[in-house]
């Protein structure tokens, strides 16, 4: 009996954790209409009830934003966070969706420095989306472009600043959903 006590305690703690997660996250967004049917079953029985396919699938349009950074920096500003929030909310609401984060950098003479800084910028955004919104890291693809895709090649500060960016793209996709409303406004 002494050996069963740790096993029982561990099992109870797991059950409590699962119960907490279910209560905290809920089971959808409040409009779980999976059993909604387009045609009523004949003779009043519940046989062959088919959910409305429009409720189970939703088409998400492409959503993209660009976050700019200071020179030689990968610190995410509060303005940058506000730009990312709609994409992060979309990822949270649609677990089948994903995002591509492409980091760009200044034009340093050493391309290794450019690639490293562009990676750090993209990684900062990925960590923000993952840690603040609870999006799984596997759904965030990071690309480090370095200085290979400049928007501007001028020597003015405004031109240089346009190249210090991260482009965040959530591609157009068809996802499973429980919400009958396909509201892309978030």
C-alpha atoms as a PDB file:
ATOM      1  CA  UNK A   1       0.000   0.000   0.000  1.00  0.00           C
ATOM      2  CA  UNK A   2       2.886   2.370   0.646  1.00  0.00           C
ATOM      3  CA  UNK A   3       3.945   2.175  -3.005  1.00  0.00           C
ATOM      4  CA  UNK A   4       0.488   3.148  -4.283  1.00  0.00           C
ATOM      5  CA  UNK A   5       0.379   6.507  -2.503  1.00  0.00           C
ATOM      6  CA  UNK A   6       2.742   8.342  -4.933  1.00  0.00           C
ATOM      7  CA  UNK A   7       0.942   6.857  -7.930  1.00  0.00           C
ATOM      8  CA  UNK A   8      -2.469   7.919  -6.611  1.00  0.00           C
ATOM      9  CA  UNK A   9      -1.177  11.397  -5.771  1.00  0.00           C
ATOM     10  CA  UNK A  10       0.339  11.756  -9.254  1.00  0.00           C
ATOM     11  CA  UNK A  11      -2.861  10.577 -10.932  1.00  0.00           C
ATOM     12  CA  UNK A  12      -5.017  12.953  -8.894  1.00  0.00           C
ATOM     13  CA  UNK A  13      -2.739  15.886  -9.698  1.00  0.00           C
ATOM     14  CA  UNK A  14      -2.979  15.059 -13.422  1.00  0.00           C
ATOM     15  CA  UNK A  15      -6.765  14.852 -13.220  1.00  0.00           C
ATOM     16  CA  UNK A  16      -6.879  18.211 -11.443  1.00  0.00           C
ATOM     17  CA  UNK A  17      -4.601  19.732 -14.084  1.00  0.00           C
ATOM     18  CA  UNK A  18      -6.795  18.468 -16.929  1.00  0.00           C
ATOM     19  CA  UNK A  19      -9.911  19.758 -15.160  1.00  0.00           C
ATOM     20  CA  UNK A  20      -8.269  23.156 -14.674  1.00  0.00           C
ATOM     21  CA  UNK A  21      -7.272  23.369 -18.352  1.00  0.00           C
ATOM     22  CA  UNK A  22     -10.773  22.418 -19.501  1.00  0.00           C
ATOM     23  CA  UNK A  23     -12.329  25.005 -17.215  1.00  0.00           C
ATOM     24  CA  UNK A  24      -9.790  27.706 -18.070  1.00  0.00           C
ATOM     25  CA  UNK A  25      -9.810  27.253 -21.839  1.00  0.00           C
ATOM     26  CA  UNK A  26     -13.348  26.035 -22.256  1.00  0.00           C
ATOM     27  CA  UNK A  27     -14.522  23.882 -25.108  1.00  0.00           C
ATOM     28  CA  UNK A  28     -14.546  26.369 -27.965  1.00  0.00           C
ATOM     29  CA  UNK A  29     -15.634  29.948 -28.327  1.00  0.00           C
ATOM     30  CA  UNK A  30     -19.156  29.673 -27.000  1.00  0.00           C
ATOM     31  CA  UNK A  31     -20.799  28.813 -30.295  1.00  0.00           C
ATOM     32  CA  UNK A  32     -20.085  25.101 -30.576  1.00  0.00           C
ATOM     33  CA  UNK A  33     -22.783  24.176 -33.071  1.00  0.00           C
ATOM     34  CA  UNK A  34     -21.290  20.940 -34.304  1.00  0.00           C
ATOM     35  CA  UNK A  35     -24.619  19.159 -34.105  1.00  0.00           C
ATOM     36  CA  UNK A  36     -26.390  21.765 -36.236  1.00  0.00           C
ATOM     37  CA  UNK A  37     -27.895  20.029 -39.250  1.00  0.00           C
ATOM     38  CA  UNK A  38     -29.042  21.318 -42.588  1.00  0.00           C
ATOM     39  CA  UNK A  39     -31.706  18.629 -42.907  1.00  0.00           C
ATOM     40  CA  UNK A  40     -33.680  17.159 -40.105  1.00  0.00           C
ATOM     41  CA  UNK A  41     -33.488  13.387 -39.780  1.00  0.00           C
ATOM     42  CA  UNK A  42     -36.558  11.512 -40.943  1.00  0.00           C
ATOM     43  CA  UNK A  43     -38.996  10.004 -38.474  1.00  0.00           C
ATOM     44  CA  UNK A  44     -37.677  12.091 -35.564  1.00  0.00           C
ATOM     45  CA  UNK A  45     -34.707   9.851 -34.768  1.00  0.00           C
ATOM     46  CA  UNK A  46     -31.138  10.953 -34.216  1.00  0.00           C
ATOM     47  CA  UNK A  47     -29.776   8.525 -36.809  1.00  0.00           C
ATOM     48  CA  UNK A  48     -27.449   9.832 -39.516  1.00  0.00           C
ATOM     49  CA  UNK A  49     -27.260  13.372 -38.176  1.00  0.00           C
ATOM     50  CA  UNK A  50     -24.699  15.121 -40.375  1.00  0.00           C
ATOM     51  CA  UNK A  51     -23.188  18.406 -39.218  1.00  0.00           C
ATOM     52  CA  UNK A  52     -23.337  21.317 -41.624  1.00  0.00           C
ATOM     53  CA  UNK A  53     -20.023  21.262 -43.541  1.00  0.00           C
ATOM     54  CA  UNK A  54     -19.848  25.059 -43.519  1.00  0.00           C
ATOM     55  CA  UNK A  55     -19.584  24.947 -39.742  1.00  0.00           C
ATOM     56  CA  UNK A  56     -16.765  22.432 -39.845  1.00  0.00           C
ATOM     57  CA  UNK A  57     -14.614  24.243 -42.432  1.00  0.00           C
ATOM     58  CA  UNK A  58     -13.740  27.902 -42.794  1.00  0.00           C
ATOM     59  CA  UNK A  59     -11.633  29.705 -45.369  1.00  0.00           C
ATOM     60  CA  UNK A  60      -9.212  32.162 -43.817  1.00  0.00           C
ATOM     61  CA  UNK A  61      -7.870  34.960 -46.015  1.00  0.00           C
ATOM     62  CA  UNK A  62      -4.159  35.741 -46.018  1.00  0.00           C
ATOM     63  CA  UNK A  63      -3.194  37.981 -43.137  1.00  0.00           C
ATOM     64  CA  UNK A  64       0.147  39.774 -43.076  1.00  0.00           C
ATOM     65  CA  UNK A  65       1.945  42.538 -41.248  1.00  0.00           C
ATOM     66  CA  UNK A  66       5.415  44.060 -41.105  1.00  0.00           C
ATOM     67  CA  UNK A  67       7.178  44.940 -37.859  1.00  0.00           C
ATOM     68  CA  UNK A  68      10.107  47.372 -37.988  1.00  0.00           C
ATOM     69  CA  UNK A  69      13.135  47.428 -35.684  1.00  0.00           C
ATOM     70  CA  UNK A  70      15.791  49.924 -34.634  1.00  0.00           C
ATOM     71  CA  UNK A  71      19.288  49.637 -36.043  1.00  0.00           C
ATOM     72  CA  UNK A  72      21.207  46.605 -34.742  1.00  0.00           C
ATOM     73  CA  UNK A  73      18.284  45.725 -32.450  1.00  0.00           C
ATOM     74  CA  UNK A  74      15.872  42.839 -32.110  1.00  0.00           C
ATOM     75  CA  UNK A  75      13.799  44.339 -29.285  1.00  0.00           C
ATOM     76  CA  UNK A  76      10.065  44.133 -29.969  1.00  0.00           C
ATOM     77  CA  UNK A  77       8.303  47.417 -29.194  1.00  0.00           C
ATOM     78  CA  UNK A  78       4.771  47.758 -27.871  1.00  0.00           C
ATOM     79  CA  UNK A  79       3.723  49.099 -31.291  1.00  0.00           C
ATOM     80  CA  UNK A  80       5.147  45.928 -32.846  1.00  0.00           C
ATOM     81  CA  UNK A  81       3.192  43.819 -30.378  1.00  0.00           C
ATOM     82  CA  UNK A  82      -0.044  45.567 -31.362  1.00  0.00           C
ATOM     83  CA  UNK A  83       0.644  44.763 -35.014  1.00  0.00           C
ATOM     84  CA  UNK A  84       1.154  41.074 -34.182  1.00  0.00           C
ATOM     85  CA  UNK A  85      -1.889  40.621 -31.951  1.00  0.00           C
ATOM     86  CA  UNK A  86      -4.478  40.037 -34.742  1.00  0.00           C
ATOM     87  CA  UNK A  87      -2.335  37.294 -36.294  1.00  0.00           C
ATOM     88  CA  UNK A  88      -1.682  35.714 -32.896  1.00  0.00           C
ATOM     89  CA  UNK A  89      -5.407  35.757 -32.052  1.00  0.00           C
ATOM     90  CA  UNK A  90      -6.153  34.105 -35.383  1.00  0.00           C
ATOM     91  CA  UNK A  91      -3.597  31.385 -34.637  1.00  0.00           C
ATOM     92  CA  UNK A  92      -5.150  30.889 -31.207  1.00  0.00           C
ATOM     93  CA  UNK A  93      -8.688  30.629 -32.626  1.00  0.00           C
ATOM     94  CA  UNK A  94      -7.746  28.305 -35.485  1.00  0.00           C
ATOM     95  CA  UNK A  95      -5.385  25.523 -34.364  1.00  0.00           C
ATOM     96  CA  UNK A  96      -4.993  24.294 -37.958  1.00  0.00           C
ATOM     97  CA  UNK A  97      -3.468  27.588 -39.127  1.00  0.00           C
ATOM     98  CA  UNK A  98       0.186  28.553 -39.069  1.00  0.00           C
ATOM     99  CA  UNK A  99       2.438  31.556 -39.625  1.00  0.00           C
ATOM    100  CA  UNK A 100       5.674  32.278 -41.494  1.00  0.00           C
ATOM    101  CA  UNK A 101       8.023  34.821 -39.871  1.00  0.00           C
ATOM    102  CA  UNK A 102      10.698  36.236 -42.217  1.00  0.00           C
ATOM    103  CA  UNK A 103      13.438  38.316 -40.611  1.00  0.00           C
ATOM    104  CA  UNK A 104      15.435  40.935 -42.521  1.00  0.00           C
ATOM    105  CA  UNK A 105      18.385  43.019 -41.407  1.00  0.00           C
ATOM    106  CA  UNK A 106      20.537  46.038 -41.947  1.00  0.00           C
ATOM    107  CA  UNK A 107      23.180  45.940 -44.627  1.00  0.00           C
ATOM    108  CA  UNK A 108      26.293  45.062 -42.610  1.00  0.00           C
ATOM    109  CA  UNK A 109      29.475  44.234 -44.482  1.00  0.00           C
ATOM    110  CA  UNK A 110      29.491  40.749 -42.915  1.00  0.00           C
ATOM    111  CA  UNK A 111      26.554  38.642 -44.162  1.00  0.00           C
ATOM    112  CA  UNK A 112      26.855  36.330 -41.128  1.00  0.00           C
ATOM    113  CA  UNK A 113      25.953  39.333 -38.940  1.00  0.00           C
ATOM    114  CA  UNK A 114      23.000  40.121 -41.228  1.00  0.00           C
ATOM    115  CA  UNK A 115      21.683  36.558 -41.056  1.00  0.00           C
ATOM    116  CA  UNK A 116      22.175  36.402 -37.282  1.00  0.00           C
ATOM    117  CA  UNK A 117      20.356  39.683 -36.641  1.00  0.00           C
ATOM    118  CA  UNK A 118      17.496  38.825 -38.996  1.00  0.00           C
ATOM    119  CA  UNK A 119      17.109  35.470 -37.223  1.00  0.00           C
ATOM    120  CA  UNK A 120      17.052  37.154 -33.799  1.00  0.00           C
ATOM    121  CA  UNK A 121      14.339  39.541 -34.994  1.00  0.00           C
ATOM    122  CA  UNK A 122      12.189  36.709 -36.361  1.00  0.00           C
ATOM    123  CA  UNK A 123      12.814  34.615 -33.238  1.00  0.00           C
ATOM    124  CA  UNK A 124      11.726  37.511 -30.991  1.00  0.00           C
ATOM    125  CA  UNK A 125       8.392  37.656 -32.804  1.00  0.00           C
ATOM    126  CA  UNK A 126       7.964  33.871 -32.682  1.00  0.00           C
ATOM    127  CA  UNK A 127       8.611  33.858 -28.935  1.00  0.00           C
ATOM    128  CA  UNK A 128       6.101  36.674 -28.410  1.00  0.00           C
ATOM    129  CA  UNK A 129       3.355  34.815 -30.320  1.00  0.00           C
ATOM    130  CA  UNK A 130       4.168  31.516 -28.640  1.00  0.00           C
ATOM    131  CA  UNK A 131       4.566  32.695 -25.055  1.00  0.00           C
ATOM    132  CA  UNK A 132       1.873  35.377 -24.851  1.00  0.00           C
ATOM    133  CA  UNK A 133      -0.816  33.607 -26.874  1.00  0.00           C
ATOM    134  CA  UNK A 134       0.090  29.977 -26.217  1.00  0.00           C
ATOM    135  CA  UNK A 135       0.597  29.089 -29.873  1.00  0.00           C
ATOM    136  CA  UNK A 136       2.615  25.916 -30.405  1.00  0.00           C
ATOM    137  CA  UNK A 137       6.119  26.560 -31.715  1.00  0.00           C
ATOM    138  CA  UNK A 138       5.616  23.957 -34.458  1.00  0.00           C
ATOM    139  CA  UNK A 139       3.080  26.288 -36.087  1.00  0.00           C
ATOM    140  CA  UNK A 140       5.579  29.133 -36.407  1.00  0.00           C
ATOM    141  CA  UNK A 141       8.106  28.867 -39.241  1.00  0.00           C
ATOM    142  CA  UNK A 142      11.141  31.149 -38.951  1.00  0.00           C
ATOM    143  CA  UNK A 143      13.099  32.279 -42.006  1.00  0.00           C
ATOM    144  CA  UNK A 144      16.272  34.357 -41.791  1.00  0.00           C
ATOM    145  CA  UNK A 145      16.714  36.332 -45.023  1.00  0.00           C
ATOM    146  CA  UNK A 146      19.583  38.531 -43.829  1.00  0.00           C
ATOM    147  CA  UNK A 147      20.094  41.457 -46.187  1.00  0.00           C
ATOM    148  CA  UNK A 148      19.230  39.490 -49.340  1.00  0.00           C
ATOM    149  CA  UNK A 149      15.781  41.050 -49.909  1.00  0.00           C
ATOM    150  CA  UNK A 150      16.074  44.795 -49.274  1.00  0.00           C
ATOM    151  CA  UNK A 151      13.042  47.016 -49.813  1.00  0.00           C
ATOM    152  CA  UNK A 152      15.296  50.018 -50.312  1.00  0.00           C
ATOM    153  CA  UNK A 153      18.889  50.329 -51.368  1.00  0.00           C
ATOM    154  CA  UNK A 154      19.335  54.044 -50.696  1.00  0.00           C
ATOM    155  CA  UNK A 155      21.725  55.559 -48.201  1.00  0.00           C
ATOM    156  CA  UNK A 156      19.125  57.718 -46.443  1.00  0.00           C
ATOM    157  CA  UNK A 157      18.080  56.669 -42.931  1.00  0.00           C
ATOM    158  CA  UNK A 158      14.453  56.173 -44.051  1.00  0.00           C
ATOM    159  CA  UNK A 159      15.611  53.711 -46.721  1.00  0.00           C
ATOM    160  CA  UNK A 160      17.760  51.795 -44.247  1.00  0.00           C
ATOM    161  CA  UNK A 161      14.947  51.631 -41.683  1.00  0.00           C
ATOM    162  CA  UNK A 162      12.602  49.945 -44.208  1.00  0.00           C
ATOM    163  CA  UNK A 163      15.073  47.034 -44.409  1.00  0.00           C
ATOM    164  CA  UNK A 164      15.104  46.465 -40.619  1.00  0.00           C
ATOM    165  CA  UNK A 165      11.923  44.469 -40.578  1.00  0.00           C
ATOM    166  CA  UNK A 166      10.168  41.176 -39.994  1.00  0.00           C
ATOM    167  CA  UNK A 167       7.372  40.158 -42.328  1.00  0.00           C
ATOM    168  CA  UNK A 168       4.729  37.989 -40.669  1.00  0.00           C
ATOM    169  CA  UNK A 169       2.404  36.039 -42.976  1.00  0.00           C
ATOM    170  CA  UNK A 170      -0.480  33.773 -42.063  1.00  0.00           C
ATOM    171  CA  UNK A 171      -1.325  32.274 -45.462  1.00  0.00           C
ATOM    172  CA  UNK A 172      -4.787  31.791 -46.900  1.00  0.00           C
ATOM    173  CA  UNK A 173      -6.008  28.418 -45.715  1.00  0.00           C
ATOM    174  CA  UNK A 174      -9.008  26.227 -45.096  1.00  0.00           C
ATOM    175  CA  UNK A 175      -9.261  25.172 -41.463  1.00  0.00           C
ATOM    176  CA  UNK A 176     -11.556  23.172 -39.224  1.00  0.00           C
ATOM    177  CA  UNK A 177     -13.713  25.289 -36.984  1.00  0.00           C
ATOM    178  CA  UNK A 178     -16.615  25.085 -34.580  1.00  0.00           C
ATOM    179  CA  UNK A 179     -17.753  28.650 -35.185  1.00  0.00           C
ATOM    180  CA  UNK A 180     -20.516  29.141 -37.758  1.00  0.00           C
ATOM    181  CA  UNK A 181     -19.400  32.755 -38.254  1.00  0.00           C
ATOM    182  CA  UNK A 182     -16.350  33.281 -40.463  1.00  0.00           C
ATOM    183  CA  UNK A 183     -15.355  36.613 -38.963  1.00  0.00           C
ATOM    184  CA  UNK A 184     -11.915  37.631 -40.214  1.00  0.00           C
ATOM    185  CA  UNK A 185     -11.928  40.932 -38.297  1.00  0.00           C
ATOM    186  CA  UNK A 186     -10.942  39.443 -34.915  1.00  0.00           C
END
